[in-house]
Amino acid sequence: PSLIPNLPQAAERIARAIRDRQKIVIYGDYDVDG
């Protein structure tokens, strides 16, 4: 999974949102794996 582009930046942003008690919205594909 570390080969996913920009993963460290995304993880940091999610951690900051959790730390700052911000709302997080998750979008996904409407298929089986999504």
Full PDB file with SEQRES, HELIX, SHEET, SSBOND, CRYST1, ORIGX, SCALE, CONECT and MASTER records, all heavy atoms in Angstrom:
SEQRES   1 A   34  PRO SER LEU ILE PRO ASN LEU PRO GLN ALA ALA GLU ARG          
SEQRES   2 A   34  ILE ALA ARG ALA ILE ARG ASP ARG GLN LYS ILE VAL ILE          
SEQRES   3 A   34  TYR GLY ASP TYR ASP VAL ASP GLY                              
HELIX    1 AA1 LEU A    7  ARG A   19  1                                  13    
CRYST1    1.000    1.000    1.000  90.00  90.00  90.00 P 1           1          
ORIGX1      1.000000  0.000000  0.000000        0.00000                         
ORIGX2      0.000000  1.000000  0.000000        0.00000                         
ORIGX3      0.000000  0.000000  1.000000        0.00000                         
SCALE1      1.000000  0.000000  0.000000        0.00000                         
SCALE2      0.000000  1.000000  0.000000        0.00000                         
SCALE3      0.000000  0.000000  1.000000        0.00000                         
ATOM      1  N   PRO A   1       0.806  -1.223   0.000  1.00  0.00           N  
ATOM      2  CA  PRO A   1       0.000   0.000   0.000  1.00  0.00           C  
ATOM      3  C   PRO A   1       0.840   1.275   0.000  1.00  0.00           C  
ATOM      4  O   PRO A   1       0.363   2.331  -0.401  1.00  0.00           O  
ATOM      5  CB  PRO A   1      -0.839  -0.102   1.278  1.00  0.00           C  
ATOM      6  CG  PRO A   1      -0.231  -1.164   2.093  1.00  0.00           C  
ATOM      7  CD  PRO A   1       0.584  -2.037   1.185  1.00  0.00           C  
ATOM      8  N   SER A   2       2.100   1.197   0.402  1.00  0.00           N  
ATOM      9  CA  SER A   2       2.932   2.400   0.391  1.00  0.00           C  
ATOM     10  C   SER A   2       3.244   2.867  -1.028  1.00  0.00           C  
ATOM     11  O   SER A   2       3.764   3.972  -1.221  1.00  0.00           O  
ATOM     12  CB  SER A   2       4.234   2.158   1.165  1.00  0.00           C  
ATOM     13  OG  SER A   2       5.061   1.243   0.469  1.00  0.00           O  
ATOM     14  N   LEU A   3       2.912   2.049  -2.020  1.00  0.00           N  
ATOM     15  CA  LEU A   3       3.132   2.443  -3.416  1.00  0.00           C  
ATOM     16  C   LEU A   3       2.005   3.325  -3.954  1.00  0.00           C  
ATOM     17  O   LEU A   3       2.108   3.844  -5.060  1.00  0.00           O  
ATOM     18  CB  LEU A   3       3.282   1.195  -4.294  1.00  0.00           C  
ATOM     19  CG  LEU A   3       4.464   0.279  -3.944  1.00  0.00           C  
ATOM     20  CD1 LEU A   3       4.436  -0.977  -4.810  1.00  0.00           C  
ATOM     21  CD2 LEU A   3       5.778   1.016  -4.098  1.00  0.00           C  
ATOM     22  N   ILE A   4       0.937   3.502  -3.177  1.00  0.00           N  
ATOM     23  CA  ILE A   4      -0.162   4.373  -3.604  1.00  0.00           C  
ATOM     24  C   ILE A   4       0.340   5.810  -3.602  1.00  0.00           C  
ATOM     25  O   ILE A   4       0.870   6.282  -2.584  1.00  0.00           O  
ATOM     26  CB  ILE A   4      -1.384   4.222  -2.673  1.00  0.00           C  
ATOM     27  CG1 ILE A   4      -1.919   2.789  -2.730  1.00  0.00           C  
ATOM     28  CG2 ILE A   4      -2.474   5.237  -3.030  1.00  0.00           C  
ATOM     29  CD1 ILE A   4      -3.003   2.496  -1.712  1.00  0.00           C  
ATOM     30  N   PRO A   5       0.200   6.524  -4.713  1.00  0.00           N  
ATOM     31  CA  PRO A   5       0.695   7.901  -4.773  1.00  0.00           C  
ATOM     32  C   PRO A   5       0.037   8.786  -3.709  1.00  0.00           C  
ATOM     33  O   PRO A   5      -1.163   8.693  -3.454  1.00  0.00           O  
ATOM     34  CB  PRO A   5       0.300   8.377  -6.182  1.00  0.00           C  
ATOM     35  CG  PRO A   5       0.060   7.130  -6.963  1.00  0.00           C  
ATOM     36  CD  PRO A   5      -0.390   6.092  -5.981  1.00  0.00           C  
ATOM     37  N   ASN A   6       0.830   9.611  -3.071  1.00  0.00           N  
ATOM     38  CA  ASN A   6       0.385  10.602  -2.081  1.00  0.00           C  
ATOM     39  C   ASN A   6      -0.232  10.000  -0.831  1.00  0.00           C  
ATOM     40  O   ASN A   6      -0.946  10.694  -0.102  1.00  0.00           O  
ATOM     41  CB  ASN A   6      -0.582  11.613  -2.714  1.00  0.00           C  
ATOM     42  CG  ASN A   6       0.029  12.335  -3.882  1.00  0.00           C  
ATOM     43  OD1 ASN A   6       1.155  12.818  -3.795  1.00  0.00           O  
ATOM     44  ND2 ASN A   6      -0.685  12.400  -4.993  1.00  0.00           N  
ATOM     45  N   LEU A   7       0.031   8.739  -0.562  1.00  0.00           N  
ATOM     46  CA  LEU A   7      -0.540   8.105   0.624  1.00  0.00           C  
ATOM     47  C   LEU A   7      -0.110   8.781   1.927  1.00  0.00           C  
ATOM     48  O   LEU A   7      -0.956   9.026   2.791  1.00  0.00           O  
ATOM     49  CB  LEU A   7      -0.208   6.611   0.648  1.00  0.00           C  
ATOM     50  CG  LEU A   7      -0.862   5.840   1.784  1.00  0.00           C  
ATOM     51  CD1 LEU A   7      -2.378   5.805   1.601  1.00  0.00           C  
ATOM     52  CD2 LEU A   7      -0.310   4.443   1.868  1.00  0.00           C  
ATOM     53  N   PRO A   8       1.173   9.130   2.095  1.00  0.00           N  
ATOM     54  CA  PRO A   8       1.554   9.788   3.349  1.00  0.00           C  
ATOM     55  C   PRO A   8       0.810  11.113   3.575  1.00  0.00           C  
ATOM     56  O   PRO A   8       0.373  11.402   4.690  1.00  0.00           O  
ATOM     57  CB  PRO A   8       3.065  10.030   3.199  1.00  0.00           C  
ATOM     58  CG  PRO A   8       3.509   9.012   2.200  1.00  0.00           C  
ATOM     59  CD  PRO A   8       2.344   8.847   1.262  1.00  0.00           C  
ATOM     60  N   GLN A   9       0.620  11.888   2.496  1.00  0.00           N  
ATOM     61  CA  GLN A   9      -0.098  13.162   2.627  1.00  0.00           C  
ATOM     62  C   GLN A   9      -1.565  12.918   2.991  1.00  0.00           C  
ATOM     63  O   GLN A   9      -2.137  13.633   3.812  1.00  0.00           O  
ATOM     64  CB  GLN A   9      -0.014  13.971   1.326  1.00  0.00           C  
ATOM     65  CG  GLN A   9       1.382  14.424   0.987  1.00  0.00           C  
ATOM     66  CD  GLN A   9       2.145  13.430   0.120  1.00  0.00           C  
ATOM     67  OE1 GLN A   9       1.883  12.228   0.123  1.00  0.00           O  
ATOM     68  NE2 GLN A   9       3.126  13.938  -0.610  1.00  0.00           N  
ATOM     69  N   ALA A  10      -2.178  11.902   2.386  1.00  0.00           N  
ATOM     70  CA  ALA A  10      -3.572  11.596   2.685  1.00  0.00           C  
ATOM     71  C   ALA A  10      -3.721  11.126   4.134  1.00  0.00           C  
ATOM     72  O   ALA A  10      -4.646  11.544   4.841  1.00  0.00           O  
ATOM     73  CB  ALA A  10      -4.091  10.525   1.725  1.00  0.00           C  
ATOM     74  N   ALA A  11      -2.803  10.284   4.577  1.00  0.00           N  
ATOM     75  CA  ALA A  11      -2.862   9.798   5.964  1.00  0.00           C  
ATOM     76  C   ALA A  11      -2.702  10.948   6.947  1.00  0.00           C  
ATOM     77  O   ALA A  11      -3.413  11.010   7.966  1.00  0.00           O  
ATOM     78  CB  ALA A  11      -1.782   8.738   6.185  1.00  0.00           C  
ATOM     79  N   GLU A  12      -1.787  11.855   6.652  1.00  0.00           N  
ATOM     80  CA  GLU A  12      -1.590  13.013   7.533  1.00  0.00           C  
ATOM     81  C   GLU A  12      -2.839  13.885   7.570  1.00  0.00           C  
ATOM     82  O   GLU A  12      -3.246  14.359   8.616  1.00  0.00           O  
ATOM     83  CB  GLU A  12      -0.375  13.831   7.072  1.00  0.00           C  
ATOM     84  CG  GLU A  12      -0.185  15.140   7.811  1.00  0.00           C  
ATOM     85  CD  GLU A  12      -0.149  14.998   9.342  1.00  0.00           C  
ATOM     86  OE1 GLU A  12       0.413  14.009   9.838  1.00  0.00           O  
ATOM     87  OE2 GLU A  12      -0.704  15.871  10.031  1.00  0.00           O  
ATOM     88  N   ARG A  13      -3.458  14.079   6.424  1.00  0.00           N  
ATOM     89  CA  ARG A  13      -4.669  14.922   6.381  1.00  0.00           C  
ATOM     90  C   ARG A  13      -5.798  14.287   7.183  1.00  0.00           C  
ATOM     91  O   ARG A  13      -6.526  14.978   7.905  1.00  0.00           O  
ATOM     92  CB  ARG A  13      -5.100  15.138   4.918  1.00  0.00           C  
ATOM     93  CG  ARG A  13      -6.346  15.977   4.773  1.00  0.00           C  
ATOM     94  CD  ARG A  13      -6.122  17.390   5.347  1.00  0.00           C  
ATOM     95  NE  ARG A  13      -7.335  18.162   5.338  1.00  0.00           N  
ATOM     96  CZ  ARG A  13      -8.124  18.354   6.402  1.00  0.00           C  
ATOM     97  NH1 ARG A  13      -7.818  17.829   7.572  1.00  0.00           N  
ATOM     98  NH2 ARG A  13      -9.214  19.080   6.283  1.00  0.00           N  
ATOM     99  N   ILE A  14      -5.974  12.988   7.061  1.00  0.00           N  
ATOM    100  CA  ILE A  14      -7.011  12.292   7.824  1.00  0.00           C  
ATOM    101  C   ILE A  14      -6.698  12.369   9.318  1.00  0.00           C  
ATOM    102  O   ILE A  14      -7.583  12.639  10.136  1.00  0.00           O  
ATOM    103  CB  ILE A  14      -7.146  10.829   7.347  1.00  0.00           C  
ATOM    104  CG1 ILE A  14      -7.721  10.804   5.927  1.00  0.00           C  
ATOM    105  CG2 ILE A  14      -8.025  10.024   8.302  1.00  0.00           C  
ATOM    106  CD1 ILE A  14      -7.651   9.458   5.254  1.00  0.00           C  
ATOM    107  N   ALA A  15      -5.436  12.152   9.682  1.00  0.00           N  
ATOM    108  CA  ALA A  15      -5.044  12.235  11.100  1.00  0.00           C  
ATOM    109  C   ALA A  15      -5.307  13.636  11.650  1.00  0.00           C  
ATOM    110  O   ALA A  15      -5.798  13.784  12.778  1.00  0.00           O  
ATOM    111  CB  ALA A  15      -3.570  11.861  11.253  1.00  0.00           C  
ATOM    112  N   ARG A  16      -5.001  14.661  10.859  1.00  0.00           N  
ATOM    113  CA  ARG A  16      -5.245  16.049  11.303  1.00  0.00           C  
ATOM    114  C   ARG A  16      -6.738  16.297  11.488  1.00  0.00           C  
ATOM    115  O   ARG A  16      -7.159  16.928  12.463  1.00  0.00           O  
ATOM    116  CB  ARG A  16      -4.644  17.041  10.309  1.00  0.00           C  
ATOM    117  CG  ARG A  16      -4.699  18.468  10.828  1.00  0.00           C  
ATOM    118  CD  ARG A  16      -3.927  19.444   9.961  1.00  0.00           C  
ATOM    119  NE  ARG A  16      -4.600  19.642   8.689  1.00  0.00           N  
ATOM    120  CZ  ARG A  16      -4.031  19.470   7.501  1.00  0.00           C  
ATOM    121  NH1 ARG A  16      -2.777  19.097   7.383  1.00  0.00           N  
ATOM    122  NH2 ARG A  16      -4.726  19.671   6.400  1.00  0.00           N  
ATOM    123  N   ALA A  17      -7.564  15.776  10.581  1.00  0.00           N  
ATOM    124  CA  ALA A  17      -9.015  15.953  10.694  1.00  0.00           C  
ATOM    125  C   ALA A  17      -9.539  15.284  11.961  1.00  0.00           C  
ATOM    126  O   ALA A  17     -10.377  15.844  12.670  1.00  0.00           O  
ATOM    127  CB  ALA A  17      -9.717  15.399   9.457  1.00  0.00           C  
ATOM    128  N   ILE A  18      -9.027  14.094  12.246  1.00  0.00           N  
ATOM    129  CA  ILE A  18      -9.451  13.395  13.466  1.00  0.00           C  
ATOM    130  C   ILE A  18      -8.999  14.183  14.701  1.00  0.00           C  
ATOM    131  O   ILE A  18      -9.782  14.407  15.630  1.00  0.00           O  
ATOM    132  CB  ILE A  18      -8.903  11.953  13.480  1.00  0.00           C  
ATOM    133  CG1 ILE A  18      -9.585  11.130  12.378  1.00  0.00           C  
ATOM    134  CG2 ILE A  18      -9.100  11.302  14.849  1.00  0.00           C  
ATOM    135  CD1 ILE A  18      -8.939   9.784  12.132  1.00  0.00           C  
ATOM    136  N   ARG A  19      -7.747  14.605  14.688  1.00  0.00           N  
ATOM    137  CA  ARG A  19      -7.197  15.348  15.821  1.00  0.00           C  
ATOM    138  C   ARG A  19      -7.967  16.642  16.076  1.00  0.00           C  
ATOM    139  O   ARG A  19      -8.255  17.005  17.213  1.00  0.00           O  
ATOM    140  CB  ARG A  19      -5.712  15.651  15.553  1.00  0.00           C  
ATOM    141  CG  ARG A  19      -4.980  16.316  16.685  1.00  0.00           C  
ATOM    142  CD  ARG A  19      -3.501  16.545  16.366  1.00  0.00           C  
ATOM    143  NE  ARG A  19      -3.317  17.316  15.150  1.00  0.00           N  
ATOM    144  CZ  ARG A  19      -2.731  16.877  14.023  1.00  0.00           C  
ATOM    145  NH1 ARG A  19      -2.261  15.638  13.960  1.00  0.00           N  
ATOM    146  NH2 ARG A  19      -2.598  17.640  12.973  1.00  0.00           N  
ATOM    147  N   ASP A  20      -8.355  17.328  14.973  1.00  0.00           N  
ATOM    148  CA  ASP A  20      -9.059  18.617  15.082  1.00  0.00           C  
ATOM    149  C   ASP A  20     -10.577  18.456  15.138  1.00  0.00           C  
ATOM    150  O   ASP A  20     -11.305  19.439  15.071  1.00  0.00           O  
ATOM    151  CB  ASP A  20      -8.675  19.531  13.912  1.00  0.00           C  
ATOM    152  CG  ASP A  20      -7.203  19.912  13.930  1.00  0.00           C  
ATOM    153  OD1 ASP A  20      -6.539  19.713  14.978  1.00  0.00           O  
ATOM    154  OD2 ASP A  20      -6.708  20.397  12.895  1.00  0.00           O  
ATOM    155  N   ARG A  21     -11.032  17.200  15.231  1.00  0.00           N  
ATOM    156  CA  ARG A  21     -12.464  16.886  15.301  1.00  0.00           C  
ATOM    157  C   ARG A  21     -13.253  17.471  14.123  1.00  0.00           C  
ATOM    158  O   ARG A  21     -14.361  17.971  14.278  1.00  0.00           O  
ATOM    159  CB  ARG A  21     -13.062  17.338  16.625  1.00  0.00           C  
ATOM    160  CG  ARG A  21     -12.485  16.625  17.825  1.00  0.00           C  
ATOM    161  CD  ARG A  21     -13.203  17.047  19.097  1.00  0.00           C  
ATOM    162  NE  ARG A  21     -12.831  16.222  20.209  1.00  0.00           N  
ATOM    163  CZ  ARG A  21     -13.382  15.069  20.542  1.00  0.00           C  
ATOM    164  NH1 ARG A  21     -14.341  14.573  19.815  1.00  0.00           N  
ATOM    165  NH2 ARG A  21     -12.978  14.382  21.594  1.00  0.00           N  
ATOM    166  N   GLN A  22     -12.661  17.403  12.941  1.00  0.00           N  
ATOM    167  CA  GLN A  22     -13.338  17.855  11.727  1.00  0.00           C  
ATOM    168  C   GLN A  22     -14.176  16.713  11.173  1.00  0.00           C  
ATOM    169  O   GLN A  22     -13.876  15.536  11.392  1.00  0.00           O  
ATOM    170  CB  GLN A  22     -12.320  18.304  10.673  1.00  0.00           C  
ATOM    171  CG  GLN A  22     -11.499  19.505  11.082  1.00  0.00           C  
ATOM    172  CD  GLN A  22     -10.417  19.812  10.058  1.00  0.00           C  
ATOM    173  OE1 GLN A  22      -9.927  18.933   9.365  1.00  0.00           O  
ATOM    174  NE2 GLN A  22     -10.034  21.080   9.997  1.00  0.00           N  
ATOM    175  N   LYS A  23     -15.212  17.065  10.450  1.00  0.00           N  
ATOM    176  CA  LYS A  23     -16.018  16.042   9.787  1.00  0.00           C  
ATOM    177  C   LYS A  23     -15.248  15.515   8.577  1.00  0.00           C  
ATOM    178  O   LYS A  23     -14.532  16.263   7.908  1.00  0.00           O  
ATOM    179  CB  LYS A  23     -17.365  16.614   9.343  1.00  0.00           C  
ATOM    180  CG  LYS A  23     -18.269  16.947  10.508  1.00  0.00           C  
ATOM    181  CD  LYS A  23     -19.609  17.427  10.020  1.00  0.00           C  
ATOM    182  CE  LYS A  23     -20.502  17.725  11.219  1.00  0.00           C  
ATOM    183  NZ  LYS A  23     -21.825  18.168  10.801  1.00  0.00           N  
ATOM    184  N   ILE A  24     -15.431  14.241   8.323  1.00  0.00           N  
ATOM    185  CA  ILE A  24     -14.785  13.593   7.178  1.00  0.00           C  
ATOM    186  C   ILE A  24     -15.881  12.984   6.310  1.00  0.00           C  
ATOM    187  O   ILE A  24     -16.750  12.272   6.806  1.00  0.00           O  
ATOM    188  CB  ILE A  24     -13.817  12.485   7.641  1.00  0.00           C  
ATOM    189  CG1 ILE A  24     -12.705  13.083   8.496  1.00  0.00           C  
ATOM    190  CG2 ILE A  24     -13.242  11.737   6.447  1.00  0.00           C  
ATOM    191  CD1 ILE A  24     -11.806  12.042   9.135  1.00  0.00           C  
ATOM    192  N   VAL A  25     -15.832  13.268   5.028  1.00  0.00           N  
ATOM    193  CA  VAL A  25     -16.769  12.693   4.071  1.00  0.00           C  
ATOM    194  C   VAL A  25     -15.999  11.692   3.220  1.00  0.00           C  
ATOM    195  O   VAL A  25     -14.891  11.966   2.772  1.00  0.00           O  
ATOM    196  CB  VAL A  25     -17.387  13.788   3.167  1.00  0.00           C  
ATOM    197  CG1 VAL A  25     -18.277  13.169   2.111  1.00  0.00           C  
ATOM    198  CG2 VAL A  25     -18.150  14.787   3.993  1.00  0.00           C  
ATOM    199  N   ILE A  26     -16.602  10.541   3.007  1.00  0.00           N  
ATOM    200  CA  ILE A  26     -15.958   9.502   2.204  1.00  0.00           C  
ATOM    201  C   ILE A  26     -16.829   9.224   0.991  1.00  0.00           C  
ATOM    202  O   ILE A  26     -18.011   8.925   1.115  1.00  0.00           O  
ATOM    203  CB  ILE A  26     -15.754   8.221   3.036  1.00  0.00           C  
ATOM    204  CG1 ILE A  26     -14.833   8.541   4.210  1.00  0.00           C  
ATOM    205  CG2 ILE A  26     -15.200   7.102   2.178  1.00  0.00           C  
ATOM    206  CD1 ILE A  26     -14.680   7.436   5.189  1.00  0.00           C  
ATOM    207  N   TYR A  27     -16.225   9.348  -0.184  1.00  0.00           N  
ATOM    208  CA  TYR A  27     -16.909   9.046  -1.436  1.00  0.00           C  
ATOM    209  C   TYR A  27     -16.373   7.723  -1.970  1.00  0.00           C  
ATOM    210  O   TYR A  27     -15.193   7.426  -1.807  1.00  0.00           O  
ATOM    211  CB  TYR A  27     -16.643  10.140  -2.480  1.00  0.00           C  
ATOM    212  CG  TYR A  27     -17.261  11.464  -2.152  1.00  0.00           C  
ATOM    213  CD1 TYR A  27     -16.550  12.435  -1.459  1.00  0.00           C  
ATOM    214  CD2 TYR A  27     -18.568  11.744  -2.525  1.00  0.00           C  
ATOM    215  CE1 TYR A  27     -17.115  13.651  -1.145  1.00  0.00           C  
ATOM    216  CE2 TYR A  27     -19.150  12.958  -2.216  1.00  0.00           C  
ATOM    217  CZ  TYR A  27     -18.408  13.908  -1.525  1.00  0.00           C  
ATOM    218  OH  TYR A  27     -18.984  15.106  -1.223  1.00  0.00           O  
ATOM    219  N   GLY A  28     -17.230   6.943  -2.604  1.00  0.00           N  
ATOM    220  CA  GLY A  28     -16.780   5.685  -3.173  1.00  0.00           C  
ATOM    221  C   GLY A  28     -17.571   5.326  -4.415  1.00  0.00           C  
ATOM    222  O   GLY A  28     -18.655   5.854  -4.660  1.00  0.00           O  
ATOM    223  N   ASP A  29     -17.000   4.432  -5.185  1.00  0.00           N  
ATOM    224  CA  ASP A  29     -17.681   3.925  -6.378  1.00  0.00           C  
ATOM    225  C   ASP A  29     -18.869   3.076  -5.983  1.00  0.00           C  
ATOM    226  O   ASP A  29     -18.879   2.448  -4.934  1.00  0.00           O  
ATOM    227  CB  ASP A  29     -16.735   3.056  -7.206  1.00  0.00           C  
ATOM    228  CG  ASP A  29     -15.709   3.867  -7.959  1.00  0.00           C  
ATOM    229  OD1 ASP A  29     -15.954   5.057  -8.190  1.00  0.00           O  
ATOM    230  OD2 ASP A  29     -14.664   3.296  -8.307  1.00  0.00           O  
ATOM    231  N   TYR A  30     -19.859   3.053  -6.858  1.00  0.00           N  
ATOM    232  CA  TYR A  30     -21.049   2.256  -6.616  1.00  0.00           C  
ATOM    233  C   TYR A  30     -20.908   0.924  -7.355  1.00  0.00           C  
ATOM    234  O   TYR A  30     -21.643   0.600  -8.268  1.00  0.00           O  
ATOM    235  CB  TYR A  30     -22.298   3.020  -7.070  1.00  0.00           C  
ATOM    236  CG  TYR A  30     -23.571   2.411  -6.554  1.00  0.00           C  
ATOM    237  CD1 TYR A  30     -23.916   2.498  -5.221  1.00  0.00           C  
ATOM    238  CD2 TYR A  30     -24.428   1.732  -7.411  1.00  0.00           C  
ATOM    239  CE1 TYR A  30     -25.079   1.938  -4.734  1.00  0.00           C  
ATOM    240  CE2 TYR A  30     -25.605   1.163  -6.940  1.00  0.00           C  
ATOM    241  CZ  TYR A  30     -25.921   1.269  -5.602  1.00  0.00           C  
ATOM    242  OH  TYR A  30     -27.068   0.706  -5.123  1.00  0.00           O  
ATOM    243  N   ASP A  31     -19.871   0.175  -6.981  1.00  0.00           N  
ATOM    244  CA  ASP A  31     -19.701  -1.181  -7.486  1.00  0.00           C  
ATOM    245  C   ASP A  31     -19.262  -2.043  -6.305  1.00  0.00           C  
ATOM    246  O   ASP A  31     -19.150  -1.555  -5.178  1.00  0.00           O  
ATOM    247  CB  ASP A  31     -18.709  -1.240  -8.655  1.00  0.00           C  
ATOM    248  CG  ASP A  31     -17.340  -0.666  -8.313  1.00  0.00           C  
ATOM    249  OD1 ASP A  31     -17.040  -0.462  -7.115  1.00  0.00           O  
ATOM    250  OD2 ASP A  31     -16.555  -0.424  -9.237  1.00  0.00           O  
ATOM    251  N   VAL A  32     -19.023  -3.307  -6.533  1.00  0.00           N  
ATOM    252  CA  VAL A  32     -18.774  -4.229  -5.428  1.00  0.00           C  
ATOM    253  C   VAL A  32     -17.582  -3.787  -4.581  1.00  0.00           C  
ATOM    254  O   VAL A  32     -17.681  -3.677  -3.362  1.00  0.00           O  
ATOM    255  CB  VAL A  32     -18.559  -5.670  -5.958  1.00  0.00           C  
ATOM    256  CG1 VAL A  32     -18.131  -6.589  -4.839  1.00  0.00           C  
ATOM    257  CG2 VAL A  32     -19.832  -6.182  -6.604  1.00  0.00           C  
ATOM    258  N   ASP A  33     -16.426  -3.543  -5.208  1.00  0.00           N  
ATOM    259  CA  ASP A  33     -15.269  -3.177  -4.404  1.00  0.00           C  
ATOM    260  C   ASP A  33     -15.363  -1.765  -3.868  1.00  0.00           C  
ATOM    261  O   ASP A  33     -14.895  -1.455  -2.778  1.00  0.00           O  
ATOM    262  CB  ASP A  33     -13.959  -3.397  -5.174  1.00  0.00           C  
ATOM    263  CG  ASP A  33     -13.890  -2.600  -6.468  1.00  0.00           C  
ATOM    264  OD1 ASP A  33     -14.939  -2.310  -7.048  1.00  0.00           O  
ATOM    265  OD2 ASP A  33     -12.771  -2.282  -6.895  1.00  0.00           O  
ATOM    266  N   GLY A  34     -16.055  -0.859  -4.601  1.00  0.00           N  
ATOM    267  CA  GLY A  34     -16.219   0.508  -4.117  1.00  0.00           C  
ATOM    268  C   GLY A  34     -17.118   0.579  -2.892  1.00  0.00           C  
ATOM    269  O   GLY A  34     -16.810   1.271  -1.919  1.00  0.00           O  
TER     270      GLY A  34                                                      
MASTER        0    0    0    1    0    0    0    6  269    1    0    3          
END                                                                             
